[in-house]
Amino acid sequence: PGTVELLDEALAQGCEVLGGIDPCGIDRDPKGQLDALFALAVRHQ
């Protein structure tokens, strides 16, 4: 918890690319992780 907000801040501060890792194997919630990541990517282009 809190990682999505940190990623949001990192992209706003100049990180050029958004990363992710094993939506099933690490998070065991592929829908939740991928929905969150794609929403961030779209918001920050």
All heavy atoms as atom14 arrays in JSON, in Angstrom:
{
  "sequence": "PGTVELLDEALAQGCEVLGGIDPCGIDRDPKGQLDALFALAVRHQ",
  "atom14_mask": [
    [1, 1, 1, 1, 1, 1, 1, 0, 0, 0, 0, 0, 0, 0],
    [1, 1, 1, 1, 0, 0, 0, 0, 0, 0, 0, 0, 0, 0],
    [1, 1, 1, 1, 1, 1, 1, 0, 0, 0, 0, 0, 0, 0],
    [1, 1, 1, 1, 1, 1, 1, 0, 0, 0, 0, 0, 0, 0],
    [1, 1, 1, 1, 1, 1, 1, 1, 1, 0, 0, 0, 0, 0],
    [1, 1, 1, 1, 1, 1, 1, 1, 0, 0, 0, 0, 0, 0],
    [1, 1, 1, 1, 1, 1, 1, 1, 0, 0, 0, 0, 0, 0],
    [1, 1, 1, 1, 1, 1, 1, 1, 0, 0, 0, 0, 0, 0],
    [1, 1, 1, 1, 1, 1, 1, 1, 1, 0, 0, 0, 0, 0],
    [1, 1, 1, 1, 1, 0, 0, 0, 0, 0, 0, 0, 0, 0],
    [1, 1, 1, 1, 1, 1, 1, 1, 0, 0, 0, 0, 0, 0],
    [1, 1, 1, 1, 1, 0, 0, 0, 0, 0, 0, 0, 0, 0],
    [1, 1, 1, 1, 1, 1, 1, 1, 1, 0, 0, 0, 0, 0],
    [1, 1, 1, 1, 0, 0, 0, 0, 0, 0, 0, 0, 0, 0],
    [1, 1, 1, 1, 1, 1, 0, 0, 0, 0, 0, 0, 0, 0],
    [1, 1, 1, 1, 1, 1, 1, 1, 1, 0, 0, 0, 0, 0],
    [1, 1, 1, 1, 1, 1, 1, 0, 0, 0, 0, 0, 0, 0],
    [1, 1, 1, 1, 1, 1, 1, 1, 0, 0, 0, 0, 0, 0],
    [1, 1, 1, 1, 0, 0, 0, 0, 0, 0, 0, 0, 0, 0],
    [1, 1, 1, 1, 0, 0, 0, 0, 0, 0, 0, 0, 0, 0],
    [1, 1, 1, 1, 1, 1, 1, 1, 0, 0, 0, 0, 0, 0],
    [1, 1, 1, 1, 1, 1, 1, 1, 0, 0, 0, 0, 0, 0],
    [1, 1, 1, 1, 1, 1, 1, 0, 0, 0, 0, 0, 0, 0],
    [1, 1, 1, 1, 1, 1, 0, 0, 0, 0, 0, 0, 0, 0],
    [1, 1, 1, 1, 0, 0, 0, 0, 0, 0, 0, 0, 0, 0],
    [1, 1, 1, 1, 1, 1, 1, 1, 0, 0, 0, 0, 0, 0],
    [1, 1, 1, 1, 1, 1, 1, 1, 0, 0, 0, 0, 0, 0],
    [1, 1, 1, 1, 1, 1, 1, 1, 1, 1, 1, 0, 0, 0],
    [1, 1, 1, 1, 1, 1, 1, 1, 0, 0, 0, 0, 0, 0],
    [1, 1, 1, 1, 1, 1, 1, 0, 0, 0, 0, 0, 0, 0],
    [1, 1, 1, 1, 1, 1, 1, 1, 1, 0, 0, 0, 0, 0],
    [1, 1, 1, 1, 0, 0, 0, 0, 0, 0, 0, 0, 0, 0],
    [1, 1, 1, 1, 1, 1, 1, 1, 1, 0, 0, 0, 0, 0],
    [1, 1, 1, 1, 1, 1, 1, 1, 0, 0, 0, 0, 0, 0],
    [1, 1, 1, 1, 1, 1, 1, 1, 0, 0, 0, 0, 0, 0],
    [1, 1, 1, 1, 1, 0, 0, 0, 0, 0, 0, 0, 0, 0],
    [1, 1, 1, 1, 1, 1, 1, 1, 0, 0, 0, 0, 0, 0],
    [1, 1, 1, 1, 1, 1, 1, 1, 1, 1, 1, 0, 0, 0],
    [1, 1, 1, 1, 1, 0, 0, 0, 0, 0, 0, 0, 0, 0],
    [1, 1, 1, 1, 1, 1, 1, 1, 0, 0, 0, 0, 0, 0],
    [1, 1, 1, 1, 1, 0, 0, 0, 0, 0, 0, 0, 0, 0],
    [1, 1, 1, 1, 1, 1, 1, 0, 0, 0, 0, 0, 0, 0],
    [1, 1, 1, 1, 1, 1, 1, 1, 1, 1, 1, 0, 0, 0],
    [1, 1, 1, 1, 1, 1, 1, 1, 1, 1, 0, 0, 0, 0],
    [1, 1, 1, 1, 1, 1, 1, 1, 1, 0, 0, 0, 0, 0]
  ],
  "atom14_positions": [
    [[0.83, -1.22, 0.0], [0.0, 0.0, 0.0], [0.86, 1.26, 0.0], [1.88, 1.34, 0.7], [-0.79, -0.14, 1.32], [-0.84, -1.61, 1.58], [0.47, -2.15, 1.08], [0.0, 0.0, 0.0], [0.0, 0.0, 0.0], [0.0, 0.0, 0.0], [0.0, 0.0, 0.0], [0.0, 0.0, 0.0], [0.0, 0.0, 0.0], [0.0, 0.0, 0.0]],
    [[0.46, 2.22, -0.8], [1.19, 3.47, -0.94], [2.09, 3.51, -2.16], [2.57, 4.58, -2.55], [0.0, 0.0, 0.0], [0.0, 0.0, 0.0], [0.0, 0.0, 0.0], [0.0, 0.0, 0.0], [0.0, 0.0, 0.0], [0.0, 0.0, 0.0], [0.0, 0.0, 0.0], [0.0, 0.0, 0.0], [0.0, 0.0, 0.0], [0.0, 0.0, 0.0]],
    [[2.3, 2.35, -2.8], [3.2, 2.31, -3.95], [2.62, 3.04, -5.16], [3.36, 3.72, -5.88], [3.52, 0.84, -4.31], [4.2, 0.23, -3.21], [4.41, 0.77, -5.55], [0.0, 0.0, 0.0], [0.0, 0.0, 0.0], [0.0, 0.0, 0.0], [0.0, 0.0, 0.0], [0.0, 0.0, 0.0], [0.0, 0.0, 0.0], [0.0, 0.0, 0.0]],
    [[1.33, 2.91, -5.38], [0.71, 3.6, -6.54], [0.94, 5.11, -6.43], [1.29, 5.77, -7.41], [-0.79, 3.28, -6.63], [-1.46, 4.15, -7.68], [-1.01, 1.81, -6.96], [0.0, 0.0, 0.0], [0.0, 0.0, 0.0], [0.0, 0.0, 0.0], [0.0, 0.0, 0.0], [0.0, 0.0, 0.0], [0.0, 0.0, 0.0], [0.0, 0.0, 0.0]],
    [[0.79, 5.64, -5.23], [0.98, 7.08, -5.03], [2.44, 7.47, -5.26], [2.73, 8.54, -5.83], [0.54, 7.47, -3.62], [-0.97, 7.38, -3.38], [-1.48, 5.96, -3.19], [-0.64, 5.03, -3.0], [-2.71, 5.77, -3.22], [0.0, 0.0, 0.0], [0.0, 0.0, 0.0], [0.0, 0.0, 0.0], [0.0, 0.0, 0.0], [0.0, 0.0, 0.0]],
    [[3.36, 6.62, -4.84], [4.78, 6.89, -5.06], [5.12, 6.86, -6.55], [5.9, 7.68, -7.04], [5.63, 5.88, -4.3], [5.65, 6.04, -2.77], [6.31, 4.82, -2.13], [6.38, 7.31, -2.35], [0.0, 0.0, 0.0], [0.0, 0.0, 0.0], [0.0, 0.0, 0.0], [0.0, 0.0, 0.0], [0.0, 0.0, 0.0], [0.0, 0.0, 0.0]],
    [[4.56, 5.9, -7.27], [4.79, 5.83, -8.72], [4.24, 7.08, -9.4], [4.87, 7.63, -10.33], [4.12, 4.58, -9.3], [4.7, 3.23, -8.85], [3.82, 2.09, -9.37], [6.13, 3.05, -9.36], [0.0, 0.0, 0.0], [0.0, 0.0, 0.0], [0.0, 0.0, 0.0], [0.0, 0.0, 0.0], [0.0, 0.0, 0.0], [0.0, 0.0, 0.0]],
    [[3.09, 7.52, -8.96], [2.47, 8.73, -9.5], [3.42, 9.92, -9.32], [3.66, 10.71, -10.25], [1.15, 8.97, -8.77], [0.3, 10.05, -9.41], [0.55, 10.4, -10.59], [-0.63, 10.55, -8.75], [0.0, 0.0, 0.0], [0.0, 0.0, 0.0], [0.0, 0.0, 0.0], [0.0, 0.0, 0.0], [0.0, 0.0, 0.0], [0.0, 0.0, 0.0]],
    [[3.98, 10.04, -8.13], [4.91, 11.14, -7.84], [6.19, 11.03, -8.66], [6.71, 12.03, -9.16], [5.24, 11.13, -6.34], [6.1, 12.3, -5.9], [6.4, 12.28, -4.41], [5.8, 11.46, -3.68], [7.25, 13.09, -3.98], [0.0, 0.0, 0.0], [0.0, 0.0, 0.0], [0.0, 0.0, 0.0], [0.0, 0.0, 0.0], [0.0, 0.0, 0.0]],
    [[6.7, 9.8, -8.81], [7.95, 9.59, -9.56], [7.78, 9.99, -11.01], [8.67, 10.62, -11.61], [8.38, 8.14, -9.46], [0.0, 0.0, 0.0], [0.0, 0.0, 0.0], [0.0, 0.0, 0.0], [0.0, 0.0, 0.0], [0.0, 0.0, 0.0], [0.0, 0.0, 0.0], [0.0, 0.0, 0.0], [0.0, 0.0, 0.0], [0.0, 0.0, 0.0]],
    [[6.65, 9.65, -11.61], [6.4, 10.03, -13.0], [6.27, 11.54, -13.12], [6.76, 12.13, -14.09], [5.14, 9.34, -13.51], [5.21, 7.81, -13.62], [3.85, 7.24, -14.03], [6.27, 7.37, -14.62], [0.0, 0.0, 0.0], [0.0, 0.0, 0.0], [0.0, 0.0, 0.0], [0.0, 0.0, 0.0], [0.0, 0.0, 0.0], [0.0, 0.0, 0.0]],
    [[5.65, 12.17, -12.14], [5.51, 13.63, -12.16], [6.86, 14.31, -12.02], [7.06, 15.42, -12.54], [4.57, 14.08, -11.05], [0.0, 0.0, 0.0], [0.0, 0.0, 0.0], [0.0, 0.0, 0.0], [0.0, 0.0, 0.0], [0.0, 0.0, 0.0], [0.0, 0.0, 0.0], [0.0, 0.0, 0.0], [0.0, 0.0, 0.0], [0.0, 0.0, 0.0]],
    [[7.81, 13.65, -11.35], [9.13, 14.25, -11.11], [10.15, 13.96, -12.2], [11.29, 14.4, -12.1], [9.66, 13.78, -9.75], [8.91, 14.36, -8.58], [9.56, 14.03, -7.24], [10.67, 13.51, -7.19], [8.88, 14.34, -6.15], [0.0, 0.0, 0.0], [0.0, 0.0, 0.0], [0.0, 0.0, 0.0], [0.0, 0.0, 0.0], [0.0, 0.0, 0.0]],
    [[9.76, 13.19, -13.22], [10.68, 13.05, -14.34], [11.09, 11.65, -14.74], [11.91, 11.5, -15.66], [0.0, 0.0, 0.0], [0.0, 0.0, 0.0], [0.0, 0.0, 0.0], [0.0, 0.0, 0.0], [0.0, 0.0, 0.0], [0.0, 0.0, 0.0], [0.0, 0.0, 0.0], [0.0, 0.0, 0.0], [0.0, 0.0, 0.0], [0.0, 0.0, 0.0]],
    [[10.58, 10.61, -14.09], [10.84, 9.26, -14.58], [10.13, 9.1, -15.93], [8.95, 9.41, -16.05], [10.34, 8.21, -13.59], [11.32, 8.1, -12.08], [0.0, 0.0, 0.0], [0.0, 0.0, 0.0], [0.0, 0.0, 0.0], [0.0, 0.0, 0.0], [0.0, 0.0, 0.0], [0.0, 0.0, 0.0], [0.0, 0.0, 0.0], [0.0, 0.0, 0.0]],
    [[10.87, 8.59, -16.91], [10.32, 8.55, -18.28], [9.41, 7.37, -18.56], [8.62, 7.4, -19.5], [11.48, 8.53, -19.29], [12.29, 9.8, -19.36], [13.45, 9.83, -18.4], [13.54, 8.92, -17.53], [14.26, 10.75, -18.5], [0.0, 0.0, 0.0], [0.0, 0.0, 0.0], [0.0, 0.0, 0.0], [0.0, 0.0, 0.0], [0.0, 0.0, 0.0]],
    [[9.55, 6.3, -17.79], [8.83, 5.05, -18.06], [8.25, 4.53, -16.76], [8.83, 4.7, -15.68], [9.77, 4.0, -18.68], [9.01, 2.73, -19.05], [10.49, 4.56, -19.91], [0.0, 0.0, 0.0], [0.0, 0.0, 0.0], [0.0, 0.0, 0.0], [0.0, 0.0, 0.0], [0.0, 0.0, 0.0], [0.0, 0.0, 0.0], [0.0, 0.0, 0.0]],
    [[7.09, 3.86, -16.86], [6.46, 3.22, -15.7], [6.74, 1.73, -15.74], [6.52, 1.08, -16.76], [4.95, 3.48, -15.72], [4.14, 2.76, -14.64], [4.56, 3.21, -13.24], [2.64, 3.01, -14.86], [0.0, 0.0, 0.0], [0.0, 0.0, 0.0], [0.0, 0.0, 0.0], [0.0, 0.0, 0.0], [0.0, 0.0, 0.0], [0.0, 0.0, 0.0]],
    [[7.22, 1.19, -14.64], [7.52, -0.23, -14.57], [6.44, -1.02, -13.87], [5.47, -0.49, -13.33], [0.0, 0.0, 0.0], [0.0, 0.0, 0.0], [0.0, 0.0, 0.0], [0.0, 0.0, 0.0], [0.0, 0.0, 0.0], [0.0, 0.0, 0.0], [0.0, 0.0, 0.0], [0.0, 0.0, 0.0], [0.0, 0.0, 0.0], [0.0, 0.0, 0.0]],
    [[6.63, -2.33, -13.86], [5.74, -3.25, -13.17], [6.44, -4.58, -13.04], [7.52, -4.79, -13.61], [0.0, 0.0, 0.0], [0.0, 0.0, 0.0], [0.0, 0.0, 0.0], [0.0, 0.0, 0.0], [0.0, 0.0, 0.0], [0.0, 0.0, 0.0], [0.0, 0.0, 0.0], [0.0, 0.0, 0.0], [0.0, 0.0, 0.0], [0.0, 0.0, 0.0]],
    [[5.84, -5.49, -12.27], [6.46, -6.79, -12.07], [5.4, -7.85, -11.77], [4.52, -7.63, -10.94], [7.52, -6.73, -10.94], [8.25, -8.07, -10.79], [6.89, -6.29, -9.62], [9.45, -8.03, -9.84], [0.0, 0.0, 0.0], [0.0, 0.0, 0.0], [0.0, 0.0, 0.0], [0.0, 0.0, 0.0], [0.0, 0.0, 0.0], [0.0, 0.0, 0.0]],
    [[5.47, -8.95, -12.45], [4.71, -10.17, -12.2], [3.36, -9.92, -11.52], [3.2, -10.16, -10.31], [5.54, -11.13, -11.35], [6.79, -11.6, -12.07], [6.86, -11.46, -13.3], [7.7, -12.12, -11.4], [0.0, 0.0, 0.0], [0.0, 0.0, 0.0], [0.0, 0.0, 0.0], [0.0, 0.0, 0.0], [0.0, 0.0, 0.0], [0.0, 0.0, 0.0]],
    [[2.36, -9.47, -12.28], [1.06, -9.16, -11.68], [0.43, -10.35, -10.95], [-0.27, -10.15, -9.95], [0.21, -8.75, -12.9], [1.21, -8.23, -13.88], [2.42, -9.1, -13.71], [0.0, 0.0, 0.0], [0.0, 0.0, 0.0], [0.0, 0.0, 0.0], [0.0, 0.0, 0.0], [0.0, 0.0, 0.0], [0.0, 0.0, 0.0], [0.0, 0.0, 0.0]],
    [[0.69, -11.55, -11.42], [0.18, -12.74, -10.72], [1.17, -13.19, -9.64], [0.82, -13.34, -8.47], [-0.05, -13.88, -11.71], [-1.35, -13.59, -12.92], [0.0, 0.0, 0.0], [0.0, 0.0, 0.0], [0.0, 0.0, 0.0], [0.0, 0.0, 0.0], [0.0, 0.0, 0.0], [0.0, 0.0, 0.0], [0.0, 0.0, 0.0], [0.0, 0.0, 0.0]],
    [[2.41, -13.41, -10.03], [3.38, -14.03, -9.14], [3.76, -13.19, -7.94], [4.01, -13.72, -6.86], [0.0, 0.0, 0.0], [0.0, 0.0, 0.0], [0.0, 0.0, 0.0], [0.0, 0.0, 0.0], [0.0, 0.0, 0.0], [0.0, 0.0, 0.0], [0.0, 0.0, 0.0], [0.0, 0.0, 0.0], [0.0, 0.0, 0.0], [0.0, 0.0, 0.0]],
    [[3.82, -11.87, -8.09], [4.2, -10.99, -6.98], [2.97, -10.42, -6.29], [2.84, -10.49, -5.06], [5.11, -9.85, -7.46], [6.46, -10.4, -7.95], [5.32, -8.81, -6.36], [7.31, -11.04, -6.87], [0.0, 0.0, 0.0], [0.0, 0.0, 0.0], [0.0, 0.0, 0.0], [0.0, 0.0, 0.0], [0.0, 0.0, 0.0], [0.0, 0.0, 0.0]],
    [[2.03, -9.87, -7.05], [0.87, -9.22, -6.45], [-0.32, -10.16, -6.24], [-1.2, -9.86, -5.44], [0.42, -8.03, -7.32], [1.07, -6.72, -6.91], [1.33, -6.56, -5.7], [1.32, -5.88, -7.77], [0.0, 0.0, 0.0], [0.0, 0.0, 0.0], [0.0, 0.0, 0.0], [0.0, 0.0, 0.0], [0.0, 0.0, 0.0], [0.0, 0.0, 0.0]],
    [[-0.37, -11.26, -6.98], [-1.5, -12.2, -6.92], [-2.83, -11.48, -7.18], [-3.89, -11.88, -6.71], [-1.55, -12.92, -5.57], [-0.3, -13.73, -5.29], [-0.33, -14.41, -3.94], [0.93, -15.1, -3.68], [1.22, -16.34, -4.08], [0.32, -17.03, -4.76], [2.39, -16.88, -3.79], [0.0, 0.0, 0.0], [0.0, 0.0, 0.0], [0.0, 0.0, 0.0]],
    [[-2.73, -10.4, -7.95], [-3.91, -9.6, -8.31], [-3.64, -8.95, -9.65], [-3.4, -7.74, -9.74], [-4.16, -8.54, -7.23], [-5.41, -7.71, -7.5], [-6.1, -7.98, -8.52], [-5.69, -6.79, -6.71], [0.0, 0.0, 0.0], [0.0, 0.0, 0.0], [0.0, 0.0, 0.0], [0.0, 0.0, 0.0], [0.0, 0.0, 0.0], [0.0, 0.0, 0.0]],
    [[-3.63, -9.74, -10.73], [-3.25, -9.16, -12.03], [-4.18, -8.06, -12.49], [-3.71, -7.06, -13.05], [-3.29, -10.37, -12.96], [-4.19, -11.36, -12.3], [-3.96, -11.17, -10.82], [0.0, 0.0, 0.0], [0.0, 0.0, 0.0], [0.0, 0.0, 0.0], [0.0, 0.0, 0.0], [0.0, 0.0, 0.0], [0.0, 0.0, 0.0], [0.0, 0.0, 0.0]],
    [[-5.47, -8.2, -12.25], [-6.39, -7.15, -12.68], [-6.1, -5.85, -11.92], [-6.03, -4.77, -12.51], [-7.84, -7.56, -12.44], [-8.85, -6.51, -12.9], [-10.27, -6.94, -12.64], [-11.25, -5.92, -13.23], [-11.06, -4.54, -12.73], [0.0, 0.0, 0.0], [0.0, 0.0, 0.0], [0.0, 0.0, 0.0], [0.0, 0.0, 0.0], [0.0, 0.0, 0.0]],
    [[-5.93, -5.97, -10.6], [-5.68, -4.78, -9.8], [-4.4, -4.08, -10.21], [-4.37, -2.85, -10.39], [0.0, 0.0, 0.0], [0.0, 0.0, 0.0], [0.0, 0.0, 0.0], [0.0, 0.0, 0.0], [0.0, 0.0, 0.0], [0.0, 0.0, 0.0], [0.0, 0.0, 0.0], [0.0, 0.0, 0.0], [0.0, 0.0, 0.0], [0.0, 0.0, 0.0]],
    [[-3.3, -4.85, -10.35], [-2.04, -4.22, -10.71], [-2.09, -3.59, -12.09], [-1.71, -2.43, -12.28], [-0.87, -5.2, -10.67], [0.47, -4.49, -10.91], [1.62, -5.42, -11.24], [2.21, -5.36, -12.32], [1.98, -6.29, -10.3], [0.0, 0.0, 0.0], [0.0, 0.0, 0.0], [0.0, 0.0, 0.0], [0.0, 0.0, 0.0], [0.0, 0.0, 0.0]],
    [[-2.54, -4.34, -13.07], [-2.52, -3.83, -14.44], [-3.46, -2.65, -14.63], [-3.13, -1.69, -15.34], [-2.84, -4.95, -15.43], [-1.76, -6.04, -15.54], [-2.24, -7.18, -16.42], [-0.46, -5.46, -16.07], [0.0, 0.0, 0.0], [0.0, 0.0, 0.0], [0.0, 0.0, 0.0], [0.0, 0.0, 0.0], [0.0, 0.0, 0.0], [0.0, 0.0, 0.0]],
    [[-4.61, -2.68, -13.99], [-5.53, -1.53, -14.08], [-4.88, -0.29, -13.49], [-4.97, 0.81, -14.05], [-6.84, -1.83, -13.35], [-7.76, -2.76, -14.14], [-7.47, -3.0, -15.34], [-8.75, -3.25, -13.56], [0.0, 0.0, 0.0], [0.0, 0.0, 0.0], [0.0, 0.0, 0.0], [0.0, 0.0, 0.0], [0.0, 0.0, 0.0], [0.0, 0.0, 0.0]],
    [[-4.2, -0.46, -12.35], [-3.55, 0.68, -11.71], [-2.41, 1.23, -12.57], [-2.27, 2.45, -12.75], [-3.02, 0.28, -10.33], [0.0, 0.0, 0.0], [0.0, 0.0, 0.0], [0.0, 0.0, 0.0], [0.0, 0.0, 0.0], [0.0, 0.0, 0.0], [0.0, 0.0, 0.0], [0.0, 0.0, 0.0], [0.0, 0.0, 0.0], [0.0, 0.0, 0.0]],
    [[-1.59, 0.34, -13.14], [-0.45, 0.78, -13.94], [-0.9, 1.46, -15.22], [-0.38, 2.53, -15.6], [0.46, -0.4, -14.26], [1.19, -1.05, -13.07], [2.07, -2.2, -13.56], [2.03, -0.03, -12.31], [0.0, 0.0, 0.0], [0.0, 0.0, 0.0], [0.0, 0.0, 0.0], [0.0, 0.0, 0.0], [0.0, 0.0, 0.0], [0.0, 0.0, 0.0]],
    [[-1.86, 0.87, -15.91], [-2.31, 1.49, -17.17], [-2.99, 2.83, -16.92], [-2.86, 3.77, -17.72], [-3.21, 0.53, -17.94], [-2.45, -0.43, -18.82], [-1.93, -1.61, -18.29], [-2.22, -0.15, -20.15], [-1.22, -2.49, -19.08], [-1.5, -1.03, -20.96], [-0.99, -2.2, -20.41], [0.0, 0.0, 0.0], [0.0, 0.0, 0.0], [0.0, 0.0, 0.0]],
    [[-3.7, 2.95, -15.79], [-4.32, 4.24, -15.46], [-3.25, 5.3, -15.24], [-3.38, 6.45, -15.71], [-5.2, 4.1, -14.22], [0.0, 0.0, 0.0], [0.0, 0.0, 0.0], [0.0, 0.0, 0.0], [0.0, 0.0, 0.0], [0.0, 0.0, 0.0], [0.0, 0.0, 0.0], [0.0, 0.0, 0.0], [0.0, 0.0, 0.0], [0.0, 0.0, 0.0]],
    [[-2.17, 4.95, -14.52], [-1.07, 5.89, -14.31], [-0.4, 6.28, -15.63], [-0.1, 7.45, -15.88], [-0.03, 5.28, -13.38], [-0.3, 5.3, -11.88], [0.77, 4.5, -11.14], [-0.35, 6.73, -11.35], [0.0, 0.0, 0.0], [0.0, 0.0, 0.0], [0.0, 0.0, 0.0], [0.0, 0.0, 0.0], [0.0, 0.0, 0.0], [0.0, 0.0, 0.0]],
    [[-0.16, 5.28, -16.46], [0.51, 5.54, -17.74], [-0.31, 6.47, -18.62], [0.23, 7.39, -19.25], [0.78, 4.23, -18.46], [0.0, 0.0, 0.0], [0.0, 0.0, 0.0], [0.0, 0.0, 0.0], [0.0, 0.0, 0.0], [0.0, 0.0, 0.0], [0.0, 0.0, 0.0], [0.0, 0.0, 0.0], [0.0, 0.0, 0.0], [0.0, 0.0, 0.0]],
    [[-1.6, 6.25, -18.66], [-2.47, 7.1, -19.47], [-2.5, 8.52, -18.9], [-2.42, 9.51, -19.65], [-3.9, 6.5, -19.54], [-4.87, 7.5, -20.16], [-3.89, 5.2, -20.33], [0.0, 0.0, 0.0], [0.0, 0.0, 0.0], [0.0, 0.0, 0.0], [0.0, 0.0, 0.0], [0.0, 0.0, 0.0], [0.0, 0.0, 0.0], [0.0, 0.0, 0.0]],
    [[-2.57, 8.63, -17.59], [-2.65, 9.95, -16.95], [-1.39, 10.76, -17.23], [-1.46, 11.96, -17.52], [-2.83, 9.8, -15.44], [-3.0, 11.13, -14.71], [-3.05, 10.92, -13.2], [-3.94, 9.83, -12.86], [-3.79, 9.03, -11.81], [-2.75, 9.19, -11.0], [-4.65, 8.07, -11.57], [0.0, 0.0, 0.0], [0.0, 0.0, 0.0], [0.0, 0.0, 0.0]],
    [[-0.24, 10.1, -17.17], [1.03, 10.82, -17.36], [1.55, 10.75, -18.79], [2.59, 11.34, -19.09], [2.09, 10.24, -16.42], [1.87, 10.56, -14.98], [2.3, 11.73, -14.4], [1.24, 9.86, -14.0], [1.96, 11.74, -13.12], [1.32, 10.62, -12.85], [0.0, 0.0, 0.0], [0.0, 0.0, 0.0], [0.0, 0.0, 0.0], [0.0, 0.0, 0.0]],
    [[0.84, 10.02, -19.66], [1.28, 9.83, -21.04], [2.7, 9.27, -21.09], [3.58, 9.8, -21.79], [1.18, 11.14, -21.81], [-0.25, 11.62, -22.02], [-1.06, 10.66, -22.91], [-0.8, 10.51, -24.1], [-2.03, 9.98, -22.32], [0.0, 0.0, 0.0], [0.0, 0.0, 0.0], [0.0, 0.0, 0.0], [0.0, 0.0, 0.0], [0.0, 0.0, 0.0]]
  ]
}
